[in-house]
PDB file of N, CA and C in Angstrom:
ATOM      1  N   MET A   1     140.415 160.875 -72.167  1.00  0.00           N
ATOM      2  CA  MET A   1     139.352 160.537 -73.095  1.00  0.00           C
ATOM      3  C   MET A   1     139.554 159.102 -73.573  1.00  0.00           C
ATOM      4  N   ASP A   2     138.479 158.342 -73.563  1.00  0.00           N
ATOM      5  CA  ASP A   2     138.536 156.952 -74.019  1.00  0.00           C
ATOM      6  C   ASP A   2     138.226 156.884 -75.506  1.00  0.00           C
ATOM      7  N   PHE A   3     138.913 155.970 -76.186  1.00  0.00           N
ATOM      8  CA  PHE A   3     138.725 155.798 -77.618  1.00  0.00           C
ATOM      9  C   PHE A   3     138.260 154.378 -77.905  1.00  0.00           C
ATOM     10  N   ILE A   4     137.537 154.225 -79.034  1.00  0.00           N
ATOM     11  CA  ILE A   4     137.126 152.909 -79.503  1.00  0.00           C
ATOM     12  C   ILE A   4     137.524 152.773 -80.975  1.00  0.00           C
ATOM     13  N   SER A   5     137.526 151.555 -81.448  1.00  0.00           N
ATOM     14  CA  SER A   5     137.997 151.283 -82.815  1.00  0.00           C
ATOM     15  C   SER A   5     136.882 151.456 -83.843  1.00  0.00           C
ATOM     16  N   VAL A   6     137.276 151.425 -85.097  1.00  0.00           N
ATOM     17  CA  VAL A   6     136.338 151.544 -86.216  1.00  0.00           C
ATOM     18  C   VAL A   6     135.301 150.419 -86.158  1.00  0.00           C
ATOM     19  N   GLY A   7     135.750 149.212 -85.879  1.00  0.00           N
ATOM     20  CA  GLY A   7     134.832 148.070 -85.811  1.00  0.00           C
ATOM     21  C   GLY A   7     133.779 148.230 -84.726  1.00  0.00           C
ATOM     22  N   GLU A   8     134.193 148.723 -83.576  1.00  0.00           N
ATOM     23  CA  GLU A   8     133.245 148.933 -82.474  1.00  0.00           C
ATOM     24  C   GLU A   8     132.227 150.017 -82.818  1.00  0.00           C
ATOM     25  N   VAL A   9     132.691 151.080 -83.477  1.00  0.00           N
ATOM     26  CA  VAL A   9     131.792 152.164 -83.877  1.00  0.00           C
ATOM     27  C   VAL A   9     130.810 151.669 -84.941  1.00  0.00           C
ATOM     28  N   ALA A  10     131.278 150.858 -85.876  1.00  0.00           N
ATOM     29  CA  ALA A  10     130.411 150.328 -86.932  1.00  0.00           C
ATOM     30  C   ALA A  10     129.254 149.532 -86.332  1.00  0.00           C
ATOM     31  N   VAL A  11     129.551 148.708 -85.351  1.00  0.00           N
ATOM     32  CA  VAL A  11     128.498 147.925 -84.687  1.00  0.00           C
ATOM     33  C   VAL A  11     127.563 148.852 -83.912  1.00  0.00           C
ATOM     34  N   LYS A  12     128.133 149.799 -83.199  1.00  0.00           N
ATOM     35  CA  LYS A  12     127.350 150.728 -82.374  1.00  0.00           C
ATOM     36  C   LYS A  12     126.384 151.559 -83.223  1.00  0.00           C
ATOM     37  N   TRP A  13     126.841 152.040 -84.380  1.00  0.00           N
ATOM     38  CA  TRP A  13     126.029 152.904 -85.239  1.00  0.00           C
ATOM     39  C   TRP A  13     125.246 152.139 -86.301  1.00  0.00           C
ATOM     40  N   GLY A  14     125.524 150.860 -86.484  1.00  0.00           N
ATOM     41  CA  GLY A  14     124.805 150.058 -87.471  1.00  0.00           C
ATOM     42  C   GLY A  14     125.180 150.375 -88.907  1.00  0.00           C
ATOM     43  N   ILE A  15     126.450 150.717 -89.137  1.00  0.00           N
ATOM     44  CA  ILE A  15     126.939 150.990 -90.490  1.00  0.00           C
ATOM     45  C   ILE A  15     128.203 150.171 -90.728  1.00  0.00           C
ATOM     46  N   SER A  16     128.694 150.170 -91.955  1.00  0.00           N
ATOM     47  CA  SER A  16     129.871 149.362 -92.281  1.00  0.00           C
ATOM     48  C   SER A  16     131.156 150.007 -91.746  1.00  0.00           C
ATOM     49  N   GLU A  17     132.164 149.175 -91.571  1.00  0.00           N
ATOM     50  CA  GLU A  17     133.475 149.677 -91.134  1.00  0.00           C
ATOM     51  C   GLU A  17     134.043 150.639 -92.172  1.00  0.00           C
ATOM     52  N   ARG A  18     133.846 150.333 -93.445  1.00  0.00           N
ATOM     53  CA  ARG A  18     134.365 151.202 -94.510  1.00  0.00           C
ATOM     54  C   ARG A  18     133.726 152.584 -94.443  1.00  0.00           C
ATOM     55  N   ARG A  19     132.432 152.652 -94.146  1.00  0.00           N
ATOM     56  CA  ARG A  19     131.747 153.952 -94.031  1.00  0.00           C
ATOM     57  C   ARG A  19     132.310 154.745 -92.851  1.00  0.00           C
ATOM     58  N   VAL A  20     132.597 154.076 -91.746  1.00  0.00           N
ATOM     59  CA  VAL A  20     133.197 154.752 -90.589  1.00  0.00           C
ATOM     60  C   VAL A  20     134.574 155.290 -90.965  1.00  0.00           C
ATOM     61  N   GLN A  21     135.366 154.497 -91.702  1.00  0.00           N
ATOM     62  CA  GLN A  21     136.682 154.957 -92.144  1.00  0.00           C
ATOM     63  C   GLN A  21     136.567 156.202 -93.011  1.00  0.00           C
ATOM     64  N   LYS A  22     135.588 156.230 -93.918  1.00  0.00           N
ATOM     65  CA  LYS A  22     135.381 157.399 -94.773  1.00  0.00           C
ATOM     66  C   LYS A  22     135.008 158.622 -93.938  1.00  0.00           C
ATOM     67  N   LEU A  23     134.160 158.444 -92.938  1.00  0.00           N
ATOM     68  CA  LEU A  23     133.786 159.553 -92.059  1.00  0.00           C
ATOM     69  C   LEU A  23     135.019 160.085 -91.327  1.00  0.00           C
ATOM     70  N   CYS A  24     135.911 159.187 -90.931  1.00  0.00           N
ATOM     71  CA  CYS A  24     137.158 159.597 -90.270  1.00  0.00           C
ATOM     72  C   CYS A  24     138.047 160.376 -91.243  1.00  0.00           C
ATOM     73  N   GLU A  25     138.211 159.856 -92.447  1.00  0.00           N
ATOM     74  CA  GLU A  25     139.045 160.518 -93.457  1.00  0.00           C
ATOM     75  C   GLU A  25     138.544 161.917 -93.773  1.00  0.00           C
ATOM     76  N   GLU A  26     137.226 162.084 -93.774  1.00  0.00           N
ATOM     77  CA  GLU A  26     136.617 163.376 -94.086  1.00  0.00           C
ATOM     78  C   GLU A  26     136.516 164.291 -92.863  1.00  0.00           C
ATOM     79  N   GLN A  27     137.052 163.830 -91.728  1.00  0.00           N
ATOM     80  CA  GLN A  27     137.041 164.599 -90.472  1.00  0.00           C
ATOM     81  C   GLN A  27     135.617 164.988 -90.047  1.00  0.00           C
ATOM     82  N   ARG A  28     134.666 164.086 -90.269  1.00  0.00           N
ATOM     83  CA  ARG A  28     133.272 164.359 -89.913  1.00  0.00           C
ATOM     84  C   ARG A  28     132.933 163.883 -88.509  1.00  0.00           C
ATOM     85  N   ILE A  29     133.882 163.212 -87.852  1.00  0.00           N
ATOM     86  CA  ILE A  29     133.686 162.776 -86.479  1.00  0.00           C
ATOM     87  C   ILE A  29     134.621 163.609 -85.610  1.00  0.00           C
ATOM     88  N   PRO A  30     134.062 164.440 -84.712  1.00  0.00           N
ATOM     89  CA  PRO A  30     134.919 165.294 -83.883  1.00  0.00           C
ATOM     90  C   PRO A  30     135.822 164.483 -82.946  1.00  0.00           C
ATOM     91  N   GLY A  31     137.076 164.887 -82.863  1.00  0.00           N
ATOM     92  CA  GLY A  31     138.020 164.263 -81.937  1.00  0.00           C
ATOM     93  C   GLY A  31     138.686 162.999 -82.437  1.00  0.00           C
ATOM     94  N   VAL A  32     138.432 162.623 -83.689  1.00  0.00           N
ATOM     95  CA  VAL A  32     139.026 161.396 -84.232  1.00  0.00           C
ATOM     96  C   VAL A  32     140.543 161.573 -84.370  1.00  0.00           C
ATOM     97  N   LYS A  33     141.279 160.499 -84.112  1.00  0.00           N
ATOM     98  CA  LYS A  33     142.736 160.524 -84.225  1.00  0.00           C
ATOM     99  C   LYS A  33     143.188 159.299 -85.004  1.00  0.00           C
ATOM    100  N   ARG A  34     144.300 159.470 -85.701  1.00  0.00           N
ATOM    101  CA  ARG A  34     144.864 158.356 -86.457  1.00  0.00           C
ATOM    102  C   ARG A  34     146.216 157.983 -85.856  1.00  0.00           C
ATOM    103  N   PHE A  35     146.354 156.706 -85.501  1.00  0.00           N
ATOM    104  CA  PHE A  35     147.609 156.175 -84.987  1.00  0.00           C
ATOM    105  C   PHE A  35     148.090 155.128 -85.970  1.00  0.00           C
ATOM    106  N   SER A  36     149.136 155.478 -86.716  1.00  0.00           N
ATOM    107  CA  SER A  36     149.671 154.602 -87.754  1.00  0.00           C
ATOM    108  C   SER A  36     148.569 154.338 -88.783  1.00  0.00           C
ATOM    109  N   ARG A  37     148.094 153.108 -88.888  1.00  0.00           N
ATOM    110  CA  ARG A  37     147.043 152.780 -89.862  1.00  0.00           C
ATOM    111  C   ARG A  37     145.681 152.603 -89.202  1.00  0.00           C
ATOM    112  N   MET A  38     145.554 152.975 -87.938  1.00  0.00           N
ATOM    113  CA  MET A  38     144.330 152.715 -87.195  1.00  0.00           C
ATOM    114  C   MET A  38     143.661 154.012 -86.752  1.00  0.00           C
ATOM    115  N   TRP A  39     142.351 154.119 -86.968  1.00  0.00           N
ATOM    116  CA  TRP A  39     141.587 155.267 -86.510  1.00  0.00           C
ATOM    117  C   TRP A  39     141.073 154.994 -85.097  1.00  0.00           C
ATOM    118  N   MET A  40     141.168 155.981 -84.243  1.00  0.00           N
ATOM    119  CA  MET A  40     140.637 155.894 -82.889  1.00  0.00           C
ATOM    120  C   MET A  40     139.581 156.985 -82.735  1.00  0.00           C
ATOM    121  N   ILE A  41     138.396 156.585 -82.322  1.00  0.00           N
ATOM    122  CA  ILE A  41     137.250 157.477 -82.264  1.00  0.00           C
ATOM    123  C   ILE A  41     136.845 157.644 -80.799  1.00  0.00           C
ATOM    124  N   PRO A  42     136.586 158.887 -80.357  1.00  0.00           N
ATOM    125  CA  PRO A  42     136.158 159.091 -78.971  1.00  0.00           C
ATOM    126  C   PRO A  42     134.908 158.269 -78.665  1.00  0.00           C
ATOM    127  N   LYS A  43     134.895 157.683 -77.477  1.00  0.00           N
ATOM    128  CA  LYS A  43     133.800 156.812 -77.067  1.00  0.00           C
ATOM    129  C   LYS A  43     132.453 157.533 -77.093  1.00  0.00           C
ATOM    130  N   ASP A  44     132.460 158.830 -76.795  1.00  0.00           N
ATOM    131  CA  ASP A  44     131.213 159.586 -76.703  1.00  0.00           C
ATOM    132  C   ASP A  44     130.860 160.327 -77.997  1.00  0.00           C
ATOM    133  N   ALA A  45     131.553 160.039 -79.098  1.00  0.00           N
ATOM    134  CA  ALA A  45     131.278 160.709 -80.379  1.00  0.00           C
ATOM    135  C   ALA A  45     129.911 160.292 -80.906  1.00  0.00           C
ATOM    136  N   GLY A  46     129.198 161.258 -81.469  1.00  0.00           N
ATOM    137  CA  GLY A  46     127.891 160.973 -82.057  1.00  0.00           C
ATOM    138  C   GLY A  46     128.010 160.679 -83.535  1.00  0.00           C
ATOM    139  N   LYS A  47     127.030 159.965 -84.052  1.00  0.00           N
ATOM    140  CA  LYS A  47     127.012 159.624 -85.472  1.00  0.00           C
ATOM    141  C   LYS A  47     126.660 160.871 -86.280  1.00  0.00           C
ATOM    142  N   PRO A  48     127.503 161.236 -87.266  1.00  0.00           N
ATOM    143  CA  PRO A  48     127.203 162.401 -88.098  1.00  0.00           C
ATOM    144  C   PRO A  48     125.971 162.165 -88.971  1.00  0.00           C
ATOM    145  N   ILE A  49     125.318 163.237 -89.336  1.00  0.00           N
ATOM    146  CA  ILE A  49     124.162 163.155 -90.225  1.00  0.00           C
ATOM    147  C   ILE A  49     124.636 162.708 -91.603  1.00  0.00           C
ATOM    148  N   ASP A  50     123.901 161.782 -92.204  1.00  0.00           N
ATOM    149  CA  ASP A  50     124.252 161.247 -93.525  1.00  0.00           C
ATOM    150  C   ASP A  50     123.730 162.192 -94.594  1.00  0.00           C
ATOM    151  N   GLY A  51     124.618 162.945 -95.223  1.00  0.00           N
ATOM    152  CA  GLY A  51     124.249 163.908 -96.235  1.00  0.00           C
ATOM    153  C   GLY A  51     123.877 163.284 -97.564  1.00  0.00           C
ATOM    154  N   ARG A  52     124.019 161.959 -97.691  1.00  0.00           N
ATOM    155  CA  ARG A  52     123.709 161.293 -98.958  1.00  0.00           C
ATOM    156  C   ARG A  52     122.208 161.055 -99.112  1.00  0.00           C
ATOM    157  N   LYS A  53     121.474 161.130 -98.009  1.00  0.00           N
ATOM    158  CA  LYS A  53     120.032 160.846 -98.043  1.00  0.00           C
ATOM    159  C   LYS A  53     119.244 162.141 -97.977  1.00  0.00           C
ATOM    160  N   LYS A  54     118.123 162.156 -98.689  1.00  0.00           N
ATOM    161  CA  LYS A  54     117.220 163.303 -98.607  1.00  0.00           C
ATOM    162  C   LYS A  54     116.437 163.216 -97.307  1.00  0.00           C
ATOM    163  N   ARG A  55     116.255 164.347 -96.706  1.00  0.00           N
ATOM    164  CA  ARG A  55     115.436 164.391 -95.485  1.00  0.00           C
ATOM    165  C   ARG A  55     113.982 164.529 -95.883  1.00  0.00           C
ATOM    166  N   GLU A  56     113.126 163.800 -95.180  1.00  0.00           N
ATOM    167  CA  GLU A  56     111.701 163.890 -95.455  1.00  0.00           C
ATOM    168  C   GLU A  56     111.117 165.115 -94.783  1.00  0.00           C
ATOM    169  N   SER A  57     110.276 165.830 -95.510  1.00  0.00           N
ATOM    170  CA  SER A  57     109.621 166.981 -94.899  1.00  0.00           C
ATOM    171  C   SER A  57     108.252 166.574 -94.381  1.00  0.00           C
ATOM    172  N   ASN A  58     107.824 167.189 -93.324  1.00  0.00           N
ATOM    173  CA  ASN A  58     106.524 166.884 -92.720  1.00  0.00           C
ATOM    174  C   ASN A  58     105.492 167.877 -93.219  1.00  0.00           C
ATOM    175  N   GLU A  59     105.065 167.695 -94.452  1.00  0.00           N
ATOM    176  CA  GLU A  59     104.086 168.611 -95.049  1.00  0.00           C
ATOM    177  C   GLU A  59     102.695 168.069 -94.931  1.00  0.00           C
TER     178      GLU A  59
END
């Protein structure tokens, strides 16, 4: 399995590096691993749904 860094994921998903780190800490990204002080995220991991935002209903 190939891994990418927090910075690469932040660019790929269009969010901040700090937000990616928080997602890693909360184990919201499947397959994430921590090596020393660095998070490694699977290359094929999908962006988790942001629970901080309300979803719009199609009424």
